[in-house]
Amino acid sequence: MHVGIIGAGIGGACLAHGLRKNGIKVTIYERNPALSSELPGYGIHINTFGKQALQECLPDANWLTFKEASRYIGGQSRFYNERMRLLAVHGGISPMAGKIISEQRLSISQGGIPLCI
């Protein structure tokens, strides 16, 4: 089987790694010719399920690099610049229920995501 994936972003690259780990040939098509390190990035938060999916799909070296580049933020929303300098912190308490959020989310700059295919 050979699978074509449209888009080399976070989802496409993670899917490619997961398929390759399971012996499936993959070709990724990306319309932006620039290297990911050249693209302007933004920060994202990855929840517990996303973290688990990345850990299962990424090669060990990529996963370790990802862990080193990301920061645990718990239930707070933290905003970092491209050099992982903290810019702002929001919450940690659910506005709907008034309870402390305990989910262990990760924050990472998009440019720092090591999903290279």
C-alpha atoms as a PDB file:
ATOM      1  CA  MET A   1       0.000   0.000   0.000  1.00  0.00           C
ATOM      2  CA  HIS A   2       1.170   3.546  -0.730  1.00  0.00           C
ATOM      3  CA  VAL A   3      -0.526   6.568   0.849  1.00  0.00           C
ATOM      4  CA  GLY A   4      -0.394  10.168  -0.368  1.00  0.00           C
ATOM      5  CA  ILE A   5      -0.707  12.886   2.291  1.00  0.00           C
ATOM      6  CA  ILE A   6      -1.580  16.451   1.370  1.00  0.00           C
ATOM      7  CA  GLY A   7       0.182  18.898   3.696  1.00  0.00           C
ATOM      8  CA  ALA A   8       3.381  18.563   5.706  1.00  0.00           C
ATOM      9  CA  GLY A   9       2.087  20.395   8.767  1.00  0.00           C
ATOM     10  CA  ILE A  10       1.770  18.917  12.223  1.00  0.00           C
ATOM     11  CA  GLY A  11      -1.014  16.486  11.317  1.00  0.00           C
ATOM     12  CA  GLY A  12       0.413  15.373   7.979  1.00  0.00           C
ATOM     13  CA  ALA A  13       3.923  14.827   9.304  1.00  0.00           C
ATOM     14  CA  CYS A  14       2.693  12.940  12.382  1.00  0.00           C
ATOM     15  CA  LEU A  15       0.454  10.751  10.205  1.00  0.00           C
ATOM     16  CA  ALA A  16       3.381  10.005   7.877  1.00  0.00           C
ATOM     17  CA  HIS A  17       5.553   8.881  10.796  1.00  0.00           C
ATOM     18  CA  GLY A  18       2.789   6.689  12.191  1.00  0.00           C
ATOM     19  CA  LEU A  19       2.151   5.025   8.846  1.00  0.00           C
ATOM     20  CA  ARG A  20       5.854   4.459   8.206  1.00  0.00           C
ATOM     21  CA  LYS A  21       6.242   2.849  11.653  1.00  0.00           C
ATOM     22  CA  ASN A  22       3.633   0.365  10.497  1.00  0.00           C
ATOM     23  CA  GLY A  23       5.379  -0.431   7.211  1.00  0.00           C
ATOM     24  CA  ILE A  24       3.221   1.704   4.917  1.00  0.00           C
ATOM     25  CA  LYS A  25       4.908   3.720   2.180  1.00  0.00           C
ATOM     26  CA  VAL A  26       4.079   7.423   2.265  1.00  0.00           C
ATOM     27  CA  THR A  27       4.517  10.376  -0.056  1.00  0.00           C
ATOM     28  CA  ILE A  28       3.833  13.840   1.345  1.00  0.00           C
ATOM     29  CA  TYR A  29       2.803  16.703  -0.900  1.00  0.00           C
ATOM     30  CA  GLU A  30       3.388  20.239   0.385  1.00  0.00           C
ATOM     31  CA  ARG A  31       2.714  23.344  -1.701  1.00  0.00           C
ATOM     32  CA  ASN A  32       5.020  25.621   0.318  1.00  0.00           C
ATOM     33  CA  PRO A  33       8.590  25.049  -0.874  1.00  0.00           C
ATOM     34  CA  ALA A  34      10.134  26.844   2.130  1.00  0.00           C
ATOM     35  CA  LEU A  35      11.732  24.811   4.884  1.00  0.00           C
ATOM     36  CA  SER A  36       9.692  24.759   8.069  1.00  0.00           C
ATOM     37  CA  SER A  37      12.489  26.554   9.918  1.00  0.00           C
ATOM     38  CA  GLU A  38      12.076  29.477   7.518  1.00  0.00           C
ATOM     39  CA  LEU A  39       8.338  29.809   8.049  1.00  0.00           C
ATOM     40  CA  PRO A  40       6.973  32.248  10.600  1.00  0.00           C
ATOM     41  CA  GLY A  41       5.729  30.239  13.537  1.00  0.00           C
ATOM     42  CA  TYR A  42       3.117  30.572  16.213  1.00  0.00           C
ATOM     43  CA  GLY A  43       2.596  28.876  19.523  1.00  0.00           C
ATOM     44  CA  ILE A  44       0.274  25.939  19.933  1.00  0.00           C
ATOM     45  CA  HIS A  45      -1.003  23.933  22.856  1.00  0.00           C
ATOM     46  CA  ILE A  46      -1.094  20.151  22.652  1.00  0.00           C
ATOM     47  CA  ASN A  47      -3.431  18.312  24.989  1.00  0.00           C
ATOM     48  CA  THR A  48      -2.908  14.908  26.581  1.00  0.00           C
ATOM     49  CA  PHE A  49      -4.354  13.010  23.605  1.00  0.00           C
ATOM     50  CA  GLY A  50      -2.239  14.951  21.106  1.00  0.00           C
ATOM     51  CA  LYS A  51       0.876  14.310  23.179  1.00  0.00           C
ATOM     52  CA  GLN A  52       0.121  10.592  23.259  1.00  0.00           C
ATOM     53  CA  ALA A  53      -0.437  10.511  19.478  1.00  0.00           C
ATOM     54  CA  LEU A  54       2.836  12.311  18.798  1.00  0.00           C
ATOM     55  CA  GLN A  55       4.743  10.000  21.129  1.00  0.00           C
ATOM     56  CA  GLU A  56       3.296   6.922  19.439  1.00  0.00           C
ATOM     57  CA  CYS A  57       3.926   8.162  15.884  1.00  0.00           C
ATOM     58  CA  LEU A  58       7.232  10.016  16.020  1.00  0.00           C
ATOM     59  CA  PRO A  59      10.611   8.293  15.850  1.00  0.00           C
ATOM     60  CA  ASP A  60      12.343   8.332  19.240  1.00  0.00           C
ATOM     61  CA  ALA A  61      14.844  11.039  18.239  1.00  0.00           C
ATOM     62  CA  ASN A  62      12.039  13.358  17.062  1.00  0.00           C
ATOM     63  CA  TRP A  63      10.003  12.689  20.223  1.00  0.00           C
ATOM     64  CA  LEU A  64      12.952  13.527  22.483  1.00  0.00           C
ATOM     65  CA  THR A  65      13.588  16.755  20.580  1.00  0.00           C
ATOM     66  CA  PHE A  66       9.896  17.622  20.851  1.00  0.00           C
ATOM     67  CA  LYS A  67       9.940  17.028  24.622  1.00  0.00           C
ATOM     68  CA  GLU A  68      12.989  19.269  25.016  1.00  0.00           C
ATOM     69  CA  ALA A  69      11.433  22.083  22.954  1.00  0.00           C
ATOM     70  CA  SER A  70       8.025  22.025  24.673  1.00  0.00           C
ATOM     71  CA  ARG A  71       6.938  23.177  28.121  1.00  0.00           C
ATOM     72  CA  TYR A  72       4.260  21.730  30.412  1.00  0.00           C
ATOM     73  CA  ILE A  73       1.612  24.324  31.123  1.00  0.00           C
ATOM     74  CA  GLY A  74      -0.990  22.355  33.062  1.00  0.00           C
ATOM     75  CA  GLY A  75      -4.370  24.054  32.816  1.00  0.00           C
ATOM     76  CA  GLN A  76      -2.969  27.483  32.223  1.00  0.00           C
ATOM     77  CA  SER A  77      -2.655  29.083  28.833  1.00  0.00           C
ATOM     78  CA  ARG A  78       0.826  30.456  28.434  1.00  0.00           C
ATOM     79  CA  PHE A  79       2.016  32.476  25.491  1.00  0.00           C
ATOM     80  CA  TYR A  80       5.632  32.325  24.341  1.00  0.00           C
ATOM     81  CA  ASN A  81       7.578  34.047  21.612  1.00  0.00           C
ATOM     82  CA  GLU A  82       9.594  32.122  19.016  1.00  0.00           C
ATOM     83  CA  ARG A  83      12.462  31.731  21.509  1.00  0.00           C
ATOM     84  CA  MET A  84      10.158  30.253  24.167  1.00  0.00           C
ATOM     85  CA  ARG A  85      10.290  33.441  26.276  1.00  0.00           C
ATOM     86  CA  LEU A  86       7.111  33.651  28.346  1.00  0.00           C
ATOM     87  CA  LEU A  87       4.954  36.578  27.224  1.00  0.00           C
ATOM     88  CA  ALA A  88       1.696  36.068  29.162  1.00  0.00           C
ATOM     89  CA  VAL A  89      -0.180  33.611  31.395  1.00  0.00           C
ATOM     90  CA  HIS A  90      -3.938  33.151  31.451  1.00  0.00           C
ATOM     91  CA  GLY A  91      -6.044  31.156  33.848  1.00  0.00           C
ATOM     92  CA  GLY A  92      -5.557  27.746  35.296  1.00  0.00           C
ATOM     93  CA  ILE A  93      -9.143  27.904  36.535  1.00  0.00           C
ATOM     94  CA  SER A  94     -12.075  26.830  34.380  1.00  0.00           C
ATOM     95  CA  PRO A  95     -14.271  29.894  33.781  1.00  0.00           C
ATOM     96  CA  MET A  96     -17.362  27.668  33.520  1.00  0.00           C
ATOM     97  CA  ALA A  97     -16.969  25.513  36.634  1.00  0.00           C
ATOM     98  CA  GLY A  98     -14.551  27.563  38.712  1.00  0.00           C
ATOM     99  CA  LYS A  99     -12.358  24.484  39.175  1.00  0.00           C
ATOM    100  CA  ILE A 100      -8.617  24.215  38.761  1.00  0.00           C
ATOM    101  CA  ILE A 101      -7.771  22.591  35.441  1.00  0.00           C
ATOM    102  CA  SER A 102      -5.390  19.674  35.888  1.00  0.00           C
ATOM    103  CA  GLU A 103      -4.811  18.593  32.275  1.00  0.00           C
ATOM    104  CA  GLN A 104      -1.118  18.431  31.425  1.00  0.00           C
ATOM    105  CA  ARG A 105      -1.042  20.367  28.161  1.00  0.00           C
ATOM    106  CA  LEU A 106       2.176  21.224  26.360  1.00  0.00           C
ATOM    107  CA  SER A 107       3.051  24.532  24.771  1.00  0.00           C
ATOM    108  CA  ILE A 108       5.509  24.796  21.894  1.00  0.00           C
ATOM    109  CA  SER A 109       6.434  27.257  19.177  1.00  0.00           C
ATOM    110  CA  GLN A 110       5.358  25.905  15.788  1.00  0.00           C
ATOM    111  CA  GLY A 111       8.855  26.542  14.441  1.00  0.00           C
ATOM    112  CA  GLY A 112      10.273  24.280  17.149  1.00  0.00           C
ATOM    113  CA  ILE A 113       8.213  21.217  16.298  1.00  0.00           C
ATOM    114  CA  PRO A 114      10.614  18.460  15.143  1.00  0.00           C
ATOM    115  CA  LEU A 115       8.289  16.475  12.903  1.00  0.00           C
ATOM    116  CA  CYS A 116      10.688  16.403   9.978  1.00  0.00           C
ATOM    117  CA  ILE A 117       9.806  13.759   7.497  1.00  0.00           C
END
